Amino acid sequence: MRDAAAIDVAAFGPLWGHDLRTLNATRGATASSRTRGVRRDSRLAGFVIAGRTGRSGYLQRLAIDPERRREGLGRLLTVDALRWMHRTRCIDVFVNTSEQNQAALALYGSLGFDQRPERLTVAEIDLTGGASAP
């Protein structure tokens, strides 16, 4: 998972990239999960974290080393995750990505994902000081 964290930061940048602790928390966010990676030249080139709770599946994280993009690795990992979710009897699968991530939107669209009308809202609260904590 350390190599996965390095790829995640390289793929998403320091603001949105996940460190090892966050990736492990992602893996524990659903009732069950599976992490798969793909190697090229004996190095991790990308990974996917897929999860499921009840009959719903979640493509929780997909990251490809920026030097290995456009090689079909994202598709390979996503299809593998979808097959696992199908085998575990999921009836629907959810994924979110930035509206500006055209490559991800194209990948998910080509695999049959439909965009939902609602938009994801991210909120934050600073509990370290500043404003009074609840």
N, C-alpha and C. Protein backbone atom coordinates (compact mmCIF):
# COMPACT_ATOMS: atom_id res chain seq x y z
N MET A 1 0.82 -1.20 0.00
CA MET A 1 0.00 0.00 0.00
C MET A 1 0.86 1.26 0.00
N ARG A 2 2.11 1.18 0.42
CA ARG A 2 2.98 2.37 0.37
C ARG A 2 3.20 2.80 -1.07
N ASP A 3 3.43 1.83 -1.95
CA ASP A 3 3.59 2.16 -3.37
C ASP A 3 2.31 2.74 -3.94
N ALA A 4 1.17 2.22 -3.50
CA ALA A 4 -0.12 2.74 -3.95
C ALA A 4 -0.29 4.19 -3.52
N ALA A 5 0.11 4.51 -2.29
CA ALA A 5 0.00 5.89 -1.80
C ALA A 5 0.88 6.82 -2.64
N ALA A 6 2.06 6.38 -3.00
CA ALA A 6 2.94 7.21 -3.83
C ALA A 6 2.31 7.46 -5.21
N ILE A 7 1.70 6.44 -5.78
CA ILE A 7 1.03 6.59 -7.07
C ILE A 7 -0.17 7.52 -6.93
N ASP A 8 -0.91 7.39 -5.85
CA ASP A 8 -2.09 8.22 -5.64
C ASP A 8 -1.71 9.70 -5.60
N VAL A 9 -0.66 10.04 -4.87
CA VAL A 9 -0.23 11.44 -4.79
C VAL A 9 0.30 11.91 -6.14
N ALA A 10 1.02 11.05 -6.86
CA ALA A 10 1.50 11.42 -8.19
C ALA A 10 0.35 11.64 -9.15
N ALA A 11 -0.70 10.82 -9.03
CA ALA A 11 -1.83 10.91 -9.95
C ALA A 11 -2.75 12.08 -9.64
N PHE A 12 -2.99 12.36 -8.36
CA PHE A 12 -3.97 13.37 -7.97
C PHE A 12 -3.37 14.64 -7.40
N GLY A 13 -2.06 14.65 -7.17
CA GLY A 13 -1.41 15.83 -6.61
C GLY A 13 -1.47 15.85 -5.10
N PRO A 14 -0.73 16.76 -4.48
CA PRO A 14 -0.65 16.77 -3.02
C PRO A 14 -1.95 17.16 -2.32
N LEU A 15 -2.82 17.92 -2.98
CA LEU A 15 -4.07 18.33 -2.35
C LEU A 15 -5.07 17.18 -2.28
N TRP A 16 -5.23 16.43 -3.38
CA TRP A 16 -6.25 15.38 -3.46
C TRP A 16 -5.68 13.97 -3.34
N GLY A 17 -4.36 13.81 -3.41
CA GLY A 17 -3.75 12.49 -3.29
C GLY A 17 -3.88 11.94 -1.89
N HIS A 18 -4.06 10.64 -1.79
CA HIS A 18 -4.25 9.98 -0.49
C HIS A 18 -2.93 9.38 -0.01
N ASP A 19 -2.66 9.57 1.28
CA ASP A 19 -1.50 8.93 1.89
C ASP A 19 -1.90 7.52 2.34
N LEU A 20 -0.95 6.82 2.93
CA LEU A 20 -1.18 5.43 3.34
C LEU A 20 -2.33 5.33 4.34
N ARG A 21 -2.37 6.22 5.32
CA ARG A 21 -3.43 6.18 6.33
C ARG A 21 -4.80 6.37 5.68
N THR A 22 -4.90 7.31 4.76
CA THR A 22 -6.18 7.59 4.11
C THR A 22 -6.60 6.44 3.21
N LEU A 23 -5.66 5.84 2.49
CA LEU A 23 -6.01 4.69 1.66
C LEU A 23 -6.50 3.54 2.51
N ASN A 24 -5.87 3.30 3.65
CA ASN A 24 -6.34 2.23 4.54
C ASN A 24 -7.71 2.55 5.10
N ALA A 25 -7.97 3.81 5.40
CA ALA A 25 -9.31 4.20 5.87
C ALA A 25 -10.34 3.98 4.76
N THR A 26 -9.96 4.26 3.53
CA THR A 26 -10.86 4.03 2.39
C THR A 26 -11.21 2.56 2.30
N ARG A 27 -10.23 1.70 2.49
CA ARG A 27 -10.47 0.26 2.42
C ARG A 27 -11.44 -0.21 3.51
N GLY A 28 -11.48 0.50 4.63
CA GLY A 28 -12.35 0.11 5.73
C GLY A 28 -13.69 0.81 5.74
N ALA A 29 -13.97 1.61 4.72
CA ALA A 29 -15.20 2.41 4.70
C ALA A 29 -16.43 1.61 4.30
N THR A 30 -16.26 0.42 3.79
CA THR A 30 -17.38 -0.42 3.39
C THR A 30 -17.31 -1.74 4.15
N ALA A 31 -18.39 -2.49 4.11
CA ALA A 31 -18.45 -3.76 4.84
C ALA A 31 -17.35 -4.72 4.38
N SER A 32 -17.07 -4.75 3.10
CA SER A 32 -15.95 -5.54 2.58
C SER A 32 -15.33 -4.78 1.42
N SER A 33 -14.05 -5.05 1.21
CA SER A 33 -13.36 -4.36 0.12
C SER A 33 -12.28 -5.26 -0.46
N ARG A 34 -11.84 -4.86 -1.63
CA ARG A 34 -10.77 -5.59 -2.29
C ARG A 34 -9.88 -4.59 -2.98
N THR A 35 -8.58 -4.74 -2.80
CA THR A 35 -7.59 -3.88 -3.44
C THR A 35 -6.80 -4.72 -4.42
N ARG A 36 -6.69 -4.21 -5.64
CA ARG A 36 -5.92 -4.91 -6.67
C ARG A 36 -4.96 -3.92 -7.31
N GLY A 37 -3.83 -4.41 -7.71
CA GLY A 37 -2.84 -3.59 -8.40
C GLY A 37 -2.39 -4.25 -9.67
N VAL A 38 -1.78 -3.46 -10.52
CA VAL A 38 -1.20 -3.99 -11.75
C VAL A 38 0.24 -3.49 -11.82
N ARG A 39 1.12 -4.39 -12.22
CA ARG A 39 2.55 -4.06 -12.30
C ARG A 39 3.00 -4.02 -13.76
N ARG A 40 3.92 -3.13 -14.01
CA ARG A 40 4.61 -3.06 -15.30
C ARG A 40 6.08 -2.86 -14.97
N ASP A 41 6.94 -3.59 -15.65
CA ASP A 41 8.38 -3.50 -15.39
C ASP A 41 8.69 -3.71 -13.91
N SER A 42 8.00 -4.66 -13.29
CA SER A 42 8.15 -5.07 -11.89
C SER A 42 7.84 -3.95 -10.88
N ARG A 43 7.18 -2.89 -11.32
CA ARG A 43 6.78 -1.81 -10.41
C ARG A 43 5.27 -1.64 -10.47
N LEU A 44 4.68 -1.25 -9.34
CA LEU A 44 3.26 -0.97 -9.32
C LEU A 44 2.98 0.19 -10.27
N ALA A 45 2.02 -0.02 -11.17
CA ALA A 45 1.67 1.00 -12.16
C ALA A 45 0.30 1.60 -11.89
N GLY A 46 -0.52 0.92 -11.09
CA GLY A 46 -1.85 1.43 -10.77
C GLY A 46 -2.54 0.49 -9.81
N PHE A 47 -3.61 1.00 -9.21
CA PHE A 47 -4.37 0.19 -8.26
C PHE A 47 -5.82 0.64 -8.24
N VAL A 48 -6.67 -0.24 -7.73
CA VAL A 48 -8.08 0.08 -7.51
C VAL A 48 -8.49 -0.46 -6.15
N ILE A 49 -9.30 0.32 -5.46
CA ILE A 49 -9.94 -0.14 -4.23
C ILE A 49 -11.44 -0.20 -4.53
N ALA A 50 -12.00 -1.37 -4.40
CA ALA A 50 -13.43 -1.58 -4.61
C ALA A 50 -14.04 -2.04 -3.30
N GLY A 51 -15.23 -1.57 -3.03
CA GLY A 51 -15.89 -1.96 -1.79
C GLY A 51 -17.35 -2.30 -2.04
N ARG A 52 -17.94 -2.93 -1.05
CA ARG A 52 -19.36 -3.24 -1.14
C ARG A 52 -19.95 -3.22 0.26
N THR A 53 -21.17 -2.75 0.32
CA THR A 53 -21.98 -2.80 1.53
C THR A 53 -23.38 -3.16 1.09
N GLY A 54 -23.90 -4.23 1.65
CA GLY A 54 -25.20 -4.72 1.18
C GLY A 54 -25.08 -5.11 -0.28
N ARG A 55 -26.01 -4.64 -1.08
CA ARG A 55 -26.01 -4.97 -2.52
C ARG A 55 -25.42 -3.86 -3.38
N SER A 56 -24.82 -2.85 -2.75
CA SER A 56 -24.22 -1.74 -3.49
C SER A 56 -22.71 -1.85 -3.50
N GLY A 57 -22.15 -1.60 -4.66
CA GLY A 57 -20.71 -1.59 -4.83
C GLY A 57 -20.21 -0.17 -5.00
N TYR A 58 -18.95 0.02 -4.66
CA TYR A 58 -18.34 1.33 -4.73
C TYR A 58 -16.94 1.21 -5.32
N LEU A 59 -16.71 1.93 -6.38
CA LEU A 59 -15.37 2.05 -6.92
C LEU A 59 -14.75 3.19 -6.12
N GLN A 60 -14.05 2.82 -5.05
CA GLN A 60 -13.63 3.79 -4.06
C GLN A 60 -12.41 4.60 -4.46
N ARG A 61 -11.47 3.99 -5.15
CA ARG A 61 -10.27 4.71 -5.55
C ARG A 61 -9.64 3.99 -6.72
N LEU A 62 -9.26 4.76 -7.71
CA LEU A 62 -8.55 4.25 -8.89
C LEU A 62 -7.45 5.24 -9.19
N ALA A 63 -6.22 4.77 -9.23
CA ALA A 63 -5.10 5.66 -9.54
C ALA A 63 -4.10 4.93 -10.42
N ILE A 64 -3.64 5.63 -11.43
CA ILE A 64 -2.65 5.10 -12.36
C ILE A 64 -1.43 6.02 -12.33
N ASP A 65 -0.26 5.44 -12.29
CA ASP A 65 0.98 6.22 -12.37
C ASP A 65 0.91 7.11 -13.61
N PRO A 66 1.12 8.41 -13.46
CA PRO A 66 1.02 9.31 -14.62
C PRO A 66 1.90 8.89 -15.81
N GLU A 67 3.01 8.22 -15.55
CA GLU A 67 3.87 7.76 -16.64
C GLU A 67 3.30 6.54 -17.37
N ARG A 68 2.27 5.92 -16.82
CA ARG A 68 1.68 4.71 -17.41
C ARG A 68 0.26 4.94 -17.91
N ARG A 69 -0.18 6.17 -17.97
CA ARG A 69 -1.54 6.46 -18.45
C ARG A 69 -1.65 6.14 -19.93
N ARG A 70 -2.90 5.94 -20.36
CA ARG A 70 -3.23 5.68 -21.76
C ARG A 70 -2.73 4.30 -22.22
N GLU A 71 -2.55 3.38 -21.27
CA GLU A 71 -2.15 2.01 -21.58
C GLU A 71 -3.26 1.01 -21.32
N GLY A 72 -4.43 1.49 -20.91
CA GLY A 72 -5.56 0.61 -20.64
C GLY A 72 -5.57 0.05 -19.23
N LEU A 73 -4.70 0.54 -18.36
CA LEU A 73 -4.63 -0.01 -17.00
C LEU A 73 -5.84 0.38 -16.16
N GLY A 74 -6.34 1.59 -16.34
CA GLY A 74 -7.54 2.01 -15.61
C GLY A 74 -8.73 1.15 -15.98
N ARG A 75 -8.88 0.87 -17.26
CA ARG A 75 -9.97 0.00 -17.72
C ARG A 75 -9.80 -1.41 -17.16
N LEU A 76 -8.61 -1.94 -17.23
CA LEU A 76 -8.32 -3.29 -16.72
C LEU A 76 -8.71 -3.39 -15.24
N LEU A 77 -8.28 -2.44 -14.44
CA LEU A 77 -8.57 -2.47 -13.01
C LEU A 77 -10.05 -2.25 -12.71
N THR A 78 -10.68 -1.36 -13.46
CA THR A 78 -12.11 -1.10 -13.25
C THR A 78 -12.95 -2.32 -13.60
N VAL A 79 -12.66 -2.94 -14.73
CA VAL A 79 -13.40 -4.14 -15.13
C VAL A 79 -13.20 -5.25 -14.10
N ASP A 80 -11.98 -5.41 -13.61
CA ASP A 80 -11.72 -6.41 -12.58
C ASP A 80 -12.57 -6.13 -11.34
N ALA A 81 -12.64 -4.86 -10.92
CA ALA A 81 -13.44 -4.49 -9.75
C ALA A 81 -14.93 -4.76 -10.00
N LEU A 82 -15.40 -4.42 -11.20
CA LEU A 82 -16.82 -4.65 -11.53
C LEU A 82 -17.15 -6.14 -11.52
N ARG A 83 -16.24 -6.96 -12.00
CA ARG A 83 -16.47 -8.41 -11.98
C ARG A 83 -16.55 -8.93 -10.56
N TRP A 84 -15.67 -8.44 -9.69
CA TRP A 84 -15.72 -8.84 -8.28
C TRP A 84 -17.05 -8.44 -7.67
N MET A 85 -17.50 -7.21 -7.94
CA MET A 85 -18.77 -6.76 -7.38
C MET A 85 -19.94 -7.58 -7.92
N HIS A 86 -19.89 -7.93 -9.18
CA HIS A 86 -20.94 -8.77 -9.76
C HIS A 86 -20.96 -10.14 -9.09
N ARG A 87 -19.78 -10.74 -8.90
CA ARG A 87 -19.70 -12.05 -8.24
C ARG A 87 -20.21 -12.00 -6.81
N THR A 88 -20.07 -10.85 -6.16
CA THR A 88 -20.52 -10.74 -4.77
C THR A 88 -21.95 -10.21 -4.69
N ARG A 89 -22.66 -10.25 -5.82
CA ARG A 89 -24.10 -9.97 -5.91
C ARG A 89 -24.50 -8.51 -5.72
N CYS A 90 -23.58 -7.60 -6.06
CA CYS A 90 -23.97 -6.19 -6.05
C CYS A 90 -24.97 -5.96 -7.19
N ILE A 91 -25.92 -5.07 -6.96
CA ILE A 91 -26.89 -4.76 -8.01
C ILE A 91 -26.67 -3.38 -8.61
N ASP A 92 -25.90 -2.55 -7.92
CA ASP A 92 -25.54 -1.26 -8.50
C ASP A 92 -24.15 -0.88 -7.99
N VAL A 93 -23.49 -0.02 -8.75
CA VAL A 93 -22.13 0.41 -8.41
C VAL A 93 -22.07 1.92 -8.55
N PHE A 94 -21.40 2.54 -7.59
CA PHE A 94 -21.26 3.99 -7.58
C PHE A 94 -19.78 4.37 -7.65
N VAL A 95 -19.53 5.47 -8.33
CA VAL A 95 -18.19 6.04 -8.39
C VAL A 95 -18.37 7.55 -8.47
N ASN A 96 -17.43 8.28 -7.91
CA ASN A 96 -17.45 9.73 -8.12
C ASN A 96 -16.09 10.18 -8.61
N THR A 97 -16.11 11.26 -9.36
CA THR A 97 -14.87 11.85 -9.87
C THR A 97 -15.15 13.32 -10.15
N SER A 98 -14.12 14.05 -10.33
CA SER A 98 -14.26 15.47 -10.64
C SER A 98 -14.91 15.65 -12.02
N GLU A 99 -15.73 16.67 -12.12
CA GLU A 99 -16.34 16.98 -13.42
C GLU A 99 -15.28 17.39 -14.44
N GLN A 100 -14.10 17.77 -13.99
CA GLN A 100 -13.01 18.15 -14.89
C GLN A 100 -12.14 16.96 -15.31
N ASN A 101 -12.35 15.80 -14.70
CA ASN A 101 -11.53 14.63 -15.00
C ASN A 101 -12.12 13.93 -16.23
N GLN A 102 -11.84 14.48 -17.38
CA GLN A 102 -12.42 13.98 -18.62
C GLN A 102 -12.01 12.53 -18.92
N ALA A 103 -10.78 12.17 -18.60
CA ALA A 103 -10.34 10.79 -18.86
C ALA A 103 -11.17 9.80 -18.03
N ALA A 104 -11.38 10.11 -16.76
CA ALA A 104 -12.17 9.22 -15.90
C ALA A 104 -13.63 9.18 -16.37
N LEU A 105 -14.18 10.33 -16.69
CA LEU A 105 -15.57 10.36 -17.17
C LEU A 105 -15.73 9.54 -18.44
N ALA A 106 -14.77 9.64 -19.34
CA ALA A 106 -14.83 8.86 -20.58
C ALA A 106 -14.72 7.37 -20.28
N LEU A 107 -13.82 6.99 -19.38
CA LEU A 107 -13.67 5.58 -19.02
C LEU A 107 -14.96 5.04 -18.43
N TYR A 108 -15.51 5.72 -17.44
CA TYR A 108 -16.71 5.23 -16.78
C TYR A 108 -17.89 5.21 -17.74
N GLY A 109 -18.01 6.22 -18.58
CA GLY A 109 -19.09 6.24 -19.57
C GLY A 109 -18.98 5.08 -20.55
N SER A 110 -17.75 4.76 -20.96
CA SER A 110 -17.55 3.67 -21.92
C SER A 110 -17.88 2.31 -21.31
N LEU A 111 -17.88 2.23 -19.99
CA LEU A 111 -18.20 0.98 -19.30
C LEU A 111 -19.66 0.89 -18.89
N GLY A 112 -20.45 1.93 -19.22
CA GLY A 112 -21.88 1.88 -18.96
C GLY A 112 -22.36 2.68 -17.77
N PHE A 113 -21.48 3.39 -17.08
CA PHE A 113 -21.92 4.24 -15.98
C PHE A 113 -22.72 5.42 -16.54
N ASP A 114 -23.80 5.75 -15.87
CA ASP A 114 -24.61 6.92 -16.21
C ASP A 114 -24.33 8.01 -15.19
N GLN A 115 -24.20 9.24 -15.66
CA GLN A 115 -24.02 10.34 -14.73
C GLN A 115 -25.33 10.65 -14.04
N ARG A 116 -25.27 10.84 -12.73
CA ARG A 116 -26.44 11.17 -11.94
C ARG A 116 -26.62 12.68 -11.92
N PRO A 117 -27.85 13.15 -11.73
CA PRO A 117 -28.09 14.60 -11.80
C PRO A 117 -27.54 15.38 -10.60
N GLU A 118 -27.45 14.74 -9.42
CA GLU A 118 -26.96 15.50 -8.28
C GLU A 118 -25.46 15.69 -8.37
N ARG A 119 -24.97 16.71 -7.69
CA ARG A 119 -23.55 17.01 -7.65
C ARG A 119 -23.05 16.76 -6.24
N LEU A 120 -21.85 16.29 -6.13
CA LEU A 120 -21.23 16.01 -4.84
C LEU A 120 -20.82 17.32 -4.18
N THR A 121 -21.16 17.46 -2.93
CA THR A 121 -20.76 18.62 -2.15
C THR A 121 -19.78 18.16 -1.08
N VAL A 122 -18.69 18.86 -0.97
CA VAL A 122 -17.69 18.55 0.06
C VAL A 122 -17.70 19.69 1.05
N ALA A 123 -17.83 19.38 2.33
CA ALA A 123 -17.82 20.38 3.39
C ALA A 123 -16.71 20.04 4.37
N GLU A 124 -16.24 21.04 5.06
CA GLU A 124 -15.12 20.83 5.99
C GLU A 124 -15.36 21.67 7.23
N ILE A 125 -14.88 21.18 8.37
CA ILE A 125 -14.87 21.94 9.60
C ILE A 125 -13.49 21.77 10.23
N ASP A 126 -12.93 22.86 10.70
CA ASP A 126 -11.62 22.85 11.35
C ASP A 126 -11.85 22.73 12.85
N LEU A 127 -11.50 21.60 13.42
CA LEU A 127 -11.68 21.38 14.85
C LEU A 127 -10.43 21.65 15.66
N THR A 128 -9.39 22.17 15.01
CA THR A 128 -8.11 22.41 15.71
C THR A 128 -8.04 23.77 16.36
N GLY A 129 -9.00 24.63 16.15
CA GLY A 129 -8.94 25.96 16.74
C GLY A 129 -9.71 26.94 15.88
N GLY A 130 -9.41 28.19 16.04
CA GLY A 130 -10.12 29.19 15.24
C GLY A 130 -11.52 29.38 15.79
N ALA A 131 -12.50 28.85 15.11
CA ALA A 131 -13.90 28.94 15.56
C ALA A 131 -14.13 27.96 16.70
N SER A 132 -15.13 28.23 17.50
CA SER A 132 -15.43 27.31 18.60
C SER A 132 -15.97 25.99 18.05
N ALA A 133 -15.46 24.91 18.59
CA ALA A 133 -15.87 23.57 18.16
C ALA A 133 -17.24 23.27 18.72
N PRO A 134 -18.03 22.44 17.98
CA PRO A 134 -19.36 22.07 18.47
C PRO A 134 -19.27 21.25 19.75
